[in-house]
Amino acid sequence: MRIALLEDEYEQAQHVQSMLSEHGHHCDSFPAGQSFLSAVLHRSYDLLILDWQIPDMTGIEVLENVRAQLDWSIPVVFLTQRDSEADIVRALDAGADDYLAKPAREAELVARINALARRINPDSEKELLRYGPFEVNTKRRIITLHGEELTLTDKDFDLTLFLFQNQGRLLTREMLLERVWGLARDINTRTVDTHMSRLRRRLGLNPENGFRIKTIYQRGYRLESMQTPEAETTDIVETDRAANE
């Protein structure tokens, strides 16, 4: 998992990063709330770990900003010295998924992170995945719609699988470039727009098939199920220029 850590004490941050790295996780550390928010709003992370007491704002304020600015439920864990019942309740009510008191105990921290990972991506090890009329074979790398195999490039397959595995989650162009293409986030993002336009056509993403890719103004994309309330959201939608070219 890619994890963002908010921790202003250097030695503590290094300790947590080392523990997570030993268990196969990648962890970036940030010493202040503003730098942390700037990173998580534009990069691709699977889980956030927050301290409560940091120099420029509180961990609760950081959490509230994350929940307000990102319309996807990225797991958030508090790791802090504050361990009163009132503090724990406040953090959980604000949208935290778990709460741990310092000092971090390696086995417990890793176990809780792994539990959250299983919750957010329960299909990660399955060979056959079904999403409405779509079936994804992750071993053979093919996708069928109503039993008919679709003609897709390798990158189309990777992008489609990532979209299905992150339904309802806002995916920025920078995030898609990083996670699907493995490219730096500061390159031209026209590549993403072109691929999204093509996927709309090739996958038949329409009400009949139960899904649509929604373009979120100046942000990125979200795959929505037409059978859920998410499909009724009222985000400002960009004109899909690539689809008309």
C-alpha atoms as a PDB file:
ATOM      1  CA  MET A   1       0.000   0.000   0.000  1.00  0.00           C
ATOM      2  CA  ARG A   2       1.001   3.612  -0.560  1.00  0.00           C
ATOM      3  CA  ILE A   3       0.674   5.425   2.758  1.00  0.00           C
ATOM      4  CA  ALA A   4       0.943   9.121   3.668  1.00  0.00           C
ATOM      5  CA  LEU A   5       2.084   9.848   7.235  1.00  0.00           C
ATOM      6  CA  LEU A   6       1.538  13.155   9.046  1.00  0.00           C
ATOM      7  CA  GLU A   7       4.158  13.337  11.800  1.00  0.00           C
ATOM      8  CA  ASP A   8       6.236  16.368  12.829  1.00  0.00           C
ATOM      9  CA  GLU A   9       8.747  14.472  15.003  1.00  0.00           C
ATOM     10  CA  TYR A  10      11.507  13.297  12.668  1.00  0.00           C
ATOM     11  CA  GLU A  11      12.618  10.252  14.659  1.00  0.00           C
ATOM     12  CA  GLN A  12       9.030   9.083  15.141  1.00  0.00           C
ATOM     13  CA  ALA A  13       8.340   9.480  11.422  1.00  0.00           C
ATOM     14  CA  GLN A  14      11.465   7.504  10.543  1.00  0.00           C
ATOM     15  CA  HIS A  15      10.457   4.755  12.961  1.00  0.00           C
ATOM     16  CA  VAL A  16       6.972   4.368  11.477  1.00  0.00           C
ATOM     17  CA  GLN A  17       8.295   4.497   7.910  1.00  0.00           C
ATOM     18  CA  SER A  18      10.840   1.787   8.730  1.00  0.00           C
ATOM     19  CA  MET A  19       8.205  -0.495  10.269  1.00  0.00           C
ATOM     20  CA  LEU A  20       5.866  -0.125   7.309  1.00  0.00           C
ATOM     21  CA  SER A  21       8.650  -0.582   4.763  1.00  0.00           C
ATOM     22  CA  GLU A  22       9.660  -3.896   6.361  1.00  0.00           C
ATOM     23  CA  HIS A  23       6.137  -5.156   5.699  1.00  0.00           C
ATOM     24  CA  GLY A  24       6.054  -4.134   2.047  1.00  0.00           C
ATOM     25  CA  HIS A  25       4.333  -0.748   2.319  1.00  0.00           C
ATOM     26  CA  HIS A  26       5.573   2.512   0.809  1.00  0.00           C
ATOM     27  CA  CYS A  27       5.261   5.448   3.224  1.00  0.00           C
ATOM     28  CA  ASP A  28       5.834   9.177   2.566  1.00  0.00           C
ATOM     29  CA  SER A  29       6.156  11.394   5.645  1.00  0.00           C
ATOM     30  CA  PHE A  30       5.105  15.042   6.019  1.00  0.00           C
ATOM     31  CA  PRO A  31       5.844  17.298   9.031  1.00  0.00           C
ATOM     32  CA  ALA A  32       2.990  19.791   8.628  1.00  0.00           C
ATOM     33  CA  GLY A  33      -0.686  19.808   7.753  1.00  0.00           C
ATOM     34  CA  GLN A  34      -0.476  22.001   4.671  1.00  0.00           C
ATOM     35  CA  SER A  35       2.279  19.995   2.990  1.00  0.00           C
ATOM     36  CA  PHE A  36       0.411  16.790   3.849  1.00  0.00           C
ATOM     37  CA  LEU A  37      -2.861  18.057   2.348  1.00  0.00           C
ATOM     38  CA  SER A  38      -1.131  19.281  -0.792  1.00  0.00           C
ATOM     39  CA  ALA A  39       0.316  15.810  -1.311  1.00  0.00           C
ATOM     40  CA  VAL A  40      -2.798  13.729  -0.643  1.00  0.00           C
ATOM     41  CA  LEU A  41      -4.989  15.938  -2.835  1.00  0.00           C
ATOM     42  CA  HIS A  42      -2.771  15.432  -5.868  1.00  0.00           C
ATOM     43  CA  ARG A  43      -0.980  12.134  -5.410  1.00  0.00           C
ATOM     44  CA  SER A  44      -2.159   8.570  -5.109  1.00  0.00           C
ATOM     45  CA  TYR A  45      -2.336   7.123  -1.589  1.00  0.00           C
ATOM     46  CA  ASP A  46      -4.227   4.124  -0.275  1.00  0.00           C
ATOM     47  CA  LEU A  47      -4.236   5.056   3.418  1.00  0.00           C
ATOM     48  CA  LEU A  48      -3.447   8.057   5.648  1.00  0.00           C
ATOM     49  CA  ILE A  49      -1.906   8.090   9.131  1.00  0.00           C
ATOM     50  CA  LEU A  50      -2.412  11.295  11.142  1.00  0.00           C
ATOM     51  CA  ASP A  51      -0.869  12.713  14.288  1.00  0.00           C
ATOM     52  CA  TRP A  52      -3.134  15.005  16.299  1.00  0.00           C
ATOM     53  CA  GLN A  53      -0.716  17.703  17.447  1.00  0.00           C
ATOM     54  CA  ILE A  54       1.234  19.250  14.578  1.00  0.00           C
ATOM     55  CA  PRO A  55       2.669  22.781  14.113  1.00  0.00           C
ATOM     56  CA  ASP A  56       0.282  24.482  11.693  1.00  0.00           C
ATOM     57  CA  MET A  57      -3.099  22.817  12.369  1.00  0.00           C
ATOM     58  CA  THR A  58      -4.624  19.921  14.255  1.00  0.00           C
ATOM     59  CA  GLY A  59      -4.957  16.403  12.943  1.00  0.00           C
ATOM     60  CA  ILE A  60      -8.729  16.785  13.219  1.00  0.00           C
ATOM     61  CA  GLU A  61      -8.597  19.841  10.930  1.00  0.00           C
ATOM     62  CA  VAL A  62      -6.493  17.874   8.447  1.00  0.00           C
ATOM     63  CA  LEU A  63      -9.016  15.025   8.532  1.00  0.00           C
ATOM     64  CA  GLU A  64     -11.926  17.424   7.988  1.00  0.00           C
ATOM     65  CA  ASN A  65     -10.123  18.909   4.978  1.00  0.00           C
ATOM     66  CA  VAL A  66      -9.492  15.451   3.529  1.00  0.00           C
ATOM     67  CA  ARG A  67     -13.122  14.424   3.897  1.00  0.00           C
ATOM     68  CA  ALA A  68     -14.421  17.744   2.530  1.00  0.00           C
ATOM     69  CA  GLN A  69     -12.134  17.948  -0.516  1.00  0.00           C
ATOM     70  CA  LEU A  70     -12.004  14.289  -1.528  1.00  0.00           C
ATOM     71  CA  ASP A  71     -15.270  12.546  -2.285  1.00  0.00           C
ATOM     72  CA  TRP A  72     -13.804   9.087  -1.748  1.00  0.00           C
ATOM     73  CA  SER A  73     -13.441   7.237   1.511  1.00  0.00           C
ATOM     74  CA  ILE A  74      -9.702   6.765   1.851  1.00  0.00           C
ATOM     75  CA  PRO A  75      -8.981   5.003   5.176  1.00  0.00           C
ATOM     76  CA  VAL A  76      -7.561   7.269   7.886  1.00  0.00           C
ATOM     77  CA  VAL A  77      -5.797   6.079  11.038  1.00  0.00           C
ATOM     78  CA  PHE A  78      -4.894   8.351  13.948  1.00  0.00           C
ATOM     79  CA  LEU A  79      -1.566   7.629  15.628  1.00  0.00           C
ATOM     80  CA  THR A  80      -1.189  10.041  18.531  1.00  0.00           C
ATOM     81  CA  GLN A  81      -0.328  10.484  22.201  1.00  0.00           C
ATOM     82  CA  ARG A  82      -3.852  11.693  22.902  1.00  0.00           C
ATOM     83  CA  ASP A  83      -5.711   8.627  24.051  1.00  0.00           C
ATOM     84  CA  SER A  84      -8.673   9.799  26.124  1.00  0.00           C
ATOM     85  CA  GLU A  85     -12.086   8.395  25.307  1.00  0.00           C
ATOM     86  CA  ALA A  86     -13.291  11.878  24.321  1.00  0.00           C
ATOM     87  CA  ASP A  87     -10.423  12.290  21.830  1.00  0.00           C
ATOM     88  CA  ILE A  88     -11.020   8.866  20.302  1.00  0.00           C
ATOM     89  CA  VAL A  89     -14.737   9.540  19.901  1.00  0.00           C
ATOM     90  CA  ARG A  90     -14.072  12.962  18.371  1.00  0.00           C
ATOM     91  CA  ALA A  91     -11.666  11.533  15.795  1.00  0.00           C
ATOM     92  CA  LEU A  92     -13.976   8.675  14.839  1.00  0.00           C
ATOM     93  CA  ASP A  93     -16.944  11.038  14.577  1.00  0.00           C
ATOM     94  CA  ALA A  94     -14.876  13.290  12.285  1.00  0.00           C
ATOM     95  CA  GLY A  95     -14.313  10.405   9.885  1.00  0.00           C
ATOM     96  CA  ALA A  96     -11.311   8.439  11.141  1.00  0.00           C
ATOM     97  CA  ASP A  97     -11.425   4.679  10.573  1.00  0.00           C
ATOM     98  CA  ASP A  98      -9.112   3.636  13.406  1.00  0.00           C
ATOM     99  CA  TYR A  99      -7.234   5.121  16.345  1.00  0.00           C
ATOM    100  CA  LEU A 100      -3.932   4.046  17.906  1.00  0.00           C
ATOM    101  CA  ALA A 101      -2.007   5.517  20.824  1.00  0.00           C
ATOM    102  CA  LYS A 102       1.732   6.174  20.657  1.00  0.00           C
ATOM    103  CA  PRO A 103       4.176   4.598  20.831  1.00  0.00           C
ATOM    104  CA  ALA A 104       3.233   2.500  17.826  1.00  0.00           C
ATOM    105  CA  ARG A 105       3.492  -1.233  18.355  1.00  0.00           C
ATOM    106  CA  GLU A 106       4.675  -2.725  15.107  1.00  0.00           C
ATOM    107  CA  ALA A 107       2.556  -5.866  14.987  1.00  0.00           C
ATOM    108  CA  GLU A 108      -0.635  -4.034  15.940  1.00  0.00           C
ATOM    109  CA  LEU A 109      -0.075  -1.139  13.522  1.00  0.00           C
ATOM    110  CA  VAL A 110       0.632  -3.450  10.594  1.00  0.00           C
ATOM    111  CA  ALA A 111      -2.299  -5.723  11.451  1.00  0.00           C
ATOM    112  CA  ARG A 112      -4.734  -2.821  11.552  1.00  0.00           C
ATOM    113  CA  ILE A 113      -3.426  -1.409   8.270  1.00  0.00           C
ATOM    114  CA  ASN A 114      -3.713  -4.812   6.601  1.00  0.00           C
ATOM    115  CA  ALA A 115      -7.277  -5.160   7.906  1.00  0.00           C
ATOM    116  CA  LEU A 116      -8.211  -1.813   6.365  1.00  0.00           C
ATOM    117  CA  ALA A 117      -6.548  -2.850   3.102  1.00  0.00           C
ATOM    118  CA  ARG A 118      -8.707  -5.977   2.944  1.00  0.00           C
ATOM    119  CA  ARG A 119     -11.794  -3.906   3.620  1.00  0.00           C
ATOM    120  CA  ILE A 120     -11.199  -1.398   0.821  1.00  0.00           C
ATOM    121  CA  ASN A 121     -10.112  -3.949  -1.783  1.00  0.00           C
ATOM    122  CA  PRO A 122     -11.611  -7.357  -0.938  1.00  0.00           C
ATOM    123  CA  ASP A 123     -11.255  -8.582  -4.548  1.00  0.00           C
ATOM    124  CA  SER A 124      -7.518  -7.895  -4.898  1.00  0.00           C
ATOM    125  CA  GLU A 125      -6.554 -11.592  -5.074  1.00  0.00           C
ATOM    126  CA  LYS A 126      -9.504 -12.914  -7.079  1.00  0.00           C
ATOM    127  CA  GLU A 127      -9.010 -14.119 -10.640  1.00  0.00           C
ATOM    128  CA  LEU A 128     -12.560 -13.454 -11.858  1.00  0.00           C
ATOM    129  CA  LEU A 129     -14.240 -10.181 -10.951  1.00  0.00           C
ATOM    130  CA  ARG A 130     -17.806  -9.282 -11.869  1.00  0.00           C
ATOM    131  CA  TYR A 131     -19.199  -5.778 -12.101  1.00  0.00           C
ATOM    132  CA  GLY A 132     -22.748  -5.905 -13.408  1.00  0.00           C
ATOM    133  CA  PRO A 133     -22.602  -7.238 -16.983  1.00  0.00           C
ATOM    134  CA  PHE A 134     -18.794  -6.908 -17.044  1.00  0.00           C
ATOM    135  CA  GLU A 135     -16.473  -9.788 -16.146  1.00  0.00           C
ATOM    136  CA  VAL A 136     -12.754  -9.172 -15.622  1.00  0.00           C
ATOM    137  CA  ASN A 137     -10.310 -12.075 -15.824  1.00  0.00           C
ATOM    138  CA  THR A 138      -7.193 -10.767 -14.082  1.00  0.00           C
ATOM    139  CA  LYS A 139      -5.091 -13.809 -15.018  1.00  0.00           C
ATOM    140  CA  ARG A 140      -5.918 -13.872 -18.735  1.00  0.00           C
ATOM    141  CA  ARG A 141      -6.248 -10.074 -18.791  1.00  0.00           C
ATOM    142  CA  ILE A 142      -9.504  -9.996 -20.702  1.00  0.00           C
ATOM    143  CA  ILE A 143     -12.803  -8.225 -20.084  1.00  0.00           C
ATOM    144  CA  THR A 144     -16.176  -9.403 -21.351  1.00  0.00           C
ATOM    145  CA  LEU A 145     -19.467  -7.531 -21.593  1.00  0.00           C
ATOM    146  CA  HIS A 146     -22.582  -9.731 -21.606  1.00  0.00           C
ATOM    147  CA  GLY A 147     -20.250 -12.655 -22.356  1.00  0.00           C
ATOM    148  CA  GLU A 148     -18.600 -11.012 -25.385  1.00  0.00           C
ATOM    149  CA  GLU A 149     -14.866 -10.298 -25.157  1.00  0.00           C
ATOM    150  CA  LEU A 150     -13.963  -6.646 -25.609  1.00  0.00           C
ATOM    151  CA  THR A 151     -11.078  -5.462 -27.773  1.00  0.00           C
ATOM    152  CA  LEU A 152      -8.733  -3.641 -25.404  1.00  0.00           C
ATOM    153  CA  THR A 153      -5.047  -2.761 -25.302  1.00  0.00           C
ATOM    154  CA  ASP A 154      -2.962  -3.706 -22.258  1.00  0.00           C
ATOM    155  CA  LYS A 155      -3.197  -0.143 -20.973  1.00  0.00           C
ATOM    156  CA  ASP A 156      -6.970  -0.109 -21.561  1.00  0.00           C
ATOM    157  CA  PHE A 157      -7.211  -3.246 -19.417  1.00  0.00           C
ATOM    158  CA  ASP A 158      -5.093  -1.752 -16.618  1.00  0.00           C
ATOM    159  CA  LEU A 159      -7.098   1.458 -16.620  1.00  0.00           C
ATOM    160  CA  THR A 160     -10.454  -0.352 -16.683  1.00  0.00           C
ATOM    161  CA  LEU A 161      -9.494  -2.635 -13.783  1.00  0.00           C
ATOM    162  CA  PHE A 162      -8.288   0.342 -11.742  1.00  0.00           C
ATOM    163  CA  LEU A 163     -11.560   2.166 -12.410  1.00  0.00           C
ATOM    164  CA  PHE A 164     -13.711  -0.796 -11.390  1.00  0.00           C
ATOM    165  CA  GLN A 165     -11.652  -1.376  -8.243  1.00  0.00           C
ATOM    166  CA  ASN A 166     -12.119   2.283  -7.282  1.00  0.00           C
ATOM    167  CA  GLN A 167     -15.808   2.796  -8.083  1.00  0.00           C
ATOM    168  CA  GLY A 168     -17.204   6.009  -6.643  1.00  0.00           C
ATOM    169  CA  ARG A 169     -13.742   7.399  -5.910  1.00  0.00           C
ATOM    170  CA  LEU A 170     -12.501  10.617  -7.476  1.00  0.00           C
ATOM    171  CA  LEU A 171      -9.343   9.767  -9.412  1.00  0.00           C
ATOM    172  CA  THR A 172      -7.263  12.760 -10.419  1.00  0.00           C
ATOM    173  CA  ARG A 173      -5.418  12.743 -13.719  1.00  0.00           C
ATOM    174  CA  GLU A 174      -2.137  12.841 -11.810  1.00  0.00           C
ATOM    175  CA  MET A 175      -3.203   9.828  -9.762  1.00  0.00           C
ATOM    176  CA  LEU A 176      -4.099   7.842 -12.870  1.00  0.00           C
ATOM    177  CA  LEU A 177      -0.803   8.710 -14.554  1.00  0.00           C
ATOM    178  CA  GLU A 178       1.070   7.508 -11.507  1.00  0.00           C
ATOM    179  CA  ARG A 179      -0.864   4.318 -10.758  1.00  0.00           C
ATOM    180  CA  VAL A 180      -1.746   3.129 -14.275  1.00  0.00           C
ATOM    181  CA  TRP A 181       1.054   4.541 -16.433  1.00  0.00           C
ATOM    182  CA  GLY A 182       3.787   4.761 -13.785  1.00  0.00           C
ATOM    183  CA  LEU A 183       4.614   8.283 -14.922  1.00  0.00           C
ATOM    184  CA  ALA A 184       5.510  11.481 -13.092  1.00  0.00           C
ATOM    185  CA  ARG A 185       2.470  13.539 -12.206  1.00  0.00           C
ATOM    186  CA  ASP A 186       3.742  16.768 -13.777  1.00  0.00           C
ATOM    187  CA  ILE A 187       3.668  15.635 -17.413  1.00  0.00           C
ATOM    188  CA  ASN A 188       0.928  16.532 -19.880  1.00  0.00           C
ATOM    189  CA  THR A 189      -2.311  14.835 -18.809  1.00  0.00           C
ATOM    190  CA  ARG A 190      -3.891  14.709 -22.282  1.00  0.00           C
ATOM    191  CA  THR A 191      -2.994  11.013 -22.376  1.00  0.00           C
ATOM    192  CA  VAL A 192      -5.515  10.310 -19.615  1.00  0.00           C
ATOM    193  CA  ASP A 193      -8.300  12.255 -21.325  1.00  0.00           C
ATOM    194  CA  THR A 194      -7.747  10.426 -24.617  1.00  0.00           C
ATOM    195  CA  HIS A 195      -7.837   6.994 -22.973  1.00  0.00           C
ATOM    196  CA  MET A 196     -10.945   7.848 -20.960  1.00  0.00           C
ATOM    197  CA  SER A 197     -12.767   8.967 -24.083  1.00  0.00           C
ATOM    198  CA  ARG A 198     -11.862   5.704 -25.834  1.00  0.00           C
ATOM    199  CA  LEU A 199     -12.916   3.575 -22.845  1.00  0.00           C
ATOM    200  CA  ARG A 200     -16.352   5.181 -22.793  1.00  0.00           C
ATOM    201  CA  ARG A 201     -16.913   3.872 -26.290  1.00  0.00           C
ATOM    202  CA  ARG A 202     -15.139   0.518 -26.093  1.00  0.00           C
ATOM    203  CA  LEU A 203     -16.696  -0.513 -22.775  1.00  0.00           C
ATOM    204  CA  GLY A 204     -20.180   0.703 -23.596  1.00  0.00           C
ATOM    205  CA  LEU A 205     -20.381   2.723 -20.391  1.00  0.00           C
ATOM    206  CA  ASN A 206     -24.013   3.810 -20.530  1.00  0.00           C
ATOM    207  CA  PRO A 207     -27.225   3.362 -18.503  1.00  0.00           C
ATOM    208  CA  GLU A 208     -28.013   0.095 -20.312  1.00  0.00           C
ATOM    209  CA  ASN A 209     -24.814  -1.452 -18.964  1.00  0.00           C
ATOM    210  CA  GLY A 210     -25.057   0.161 -15.548  1.00  0.00           C
ATOM    211  CA  PHE A 211     -21.934   2.329 -15.373  1.00  0.00           C
ATOM    212  CA  ARG A 212     -20.628   5.692 -16.502  1.00  0.00           C
ATOM    213  CA  ILE A 213     -17.329   7.567 -16.310  1.00  0.00           C
ATOM    214  CA  LYS A 214     -18.002  11.039 -14.982  1.00  0.00           C
ATOM    215  CA  THR A 215     -15.572  13.873 -15.660  1.00  0.00           C
ATOM    216  CA  ILE A 216     -15.192  16.105 -12.596  1.00  0.00           C
ATOM    217  CA  TYR A 217     -14.404  19.712 -13.482  1.00  0.00           C
ATOM    218  CA  GLN A 218     -10.677  20.505 -13.117  1.00  0.00           C
ATOM    219  CA  ARG A 219     -10.125  17.379 -11.004  1.00  0.00           C
ATOM    220  CA  GLY A 220     -10.326  14.083 -12.842  1.00  0.00           C
ATOM    221  CA  TYR A 221     -12.724  11.177 -13.263  1.00  0.00           C
ATOM    222  CA  ARG A 222     -15.042   8.911 -11.305  1.00  0.00           C
ATOM    223  CA  LEU A 223     -16.594   5.595 -12.342  1.00  0.00           C
ATOM    224  CA  GLU A 224     -20.177   5.526 -11.095  1.00  0.00           C
ATOM    225  CA  SER A 225     -22.732   2.767 -10.896  1.00  0.00           C
ATOM    226  CA  MET A 226     -26.032   3.898 -12.379  1.00  0.00           C
ATOM    227  CA  GLN A 227     -27.790   1.742  -9.772  1.00  0.00           C
ATOM    228  CA  THR A 228     -26.555   3.740  -6.739  1.00  0.00           C
ATOM    229  CA  PRO A 229     -27.273   7.245  -5.388  1.00  0.00           C
ATOM    230  CA  GLU A 230     -23.746   8.251  -6.422  1.00  0.00           C
ATOM    231  CA  ALA A 231     -24.971   8.400 -10.004  1.00  0.00           C
ATOM    232  CA  GLU A 232     -27.229  11.296  -9.040  1.00  0.00           C
ATOM    233  CA  THR A 233     -24.439  13.589  -7.846  1.00  0.00           C
ATOM    234  CA  THR A 234     -24.352  17.106  -9.265  1.00  0.00           C
ATOM    235  CA  ASP A 235     -20.658  17.768  -9.872  1.00  0.00           C
ATOM    236  CA  ILE A 236     -19.817  20.205 -12.685  1.00  0.00           C
ATOM    237  CA  VAL A 237     -18.965  18.012 -15.663  1.00  0.00           C
ATOM    238  CA  GLU A 238     -16.434  18.947 -18.284  1.00  0.00           C
ATOM    239  CA  THR A 239     -17.238  18.555 -21.956  1.00  0.00           C
ATOM    240  CA  ASP A 240     -15.490  15.433 -23.181  1.00  0.00           C
ATOM    241  CA  ARG A 241     -13.635  17.146 -26.003  1.00  0.00           C
ATOM    242  CA  ALA A 242     -11.703  14.014 -26.872  1.00  0.00           C
ATOM    243  CA  ALA A 243     -14.907  12.101 -27.602  1.00  0.00           C
ATOM    244  CA  ASN A 244     -15.812  14.588 -30.296  1.00  0.00           C
ATOM    245  CA  GLU A 245     -12.456  14.630 -32.028  1.00  0.00           C
END
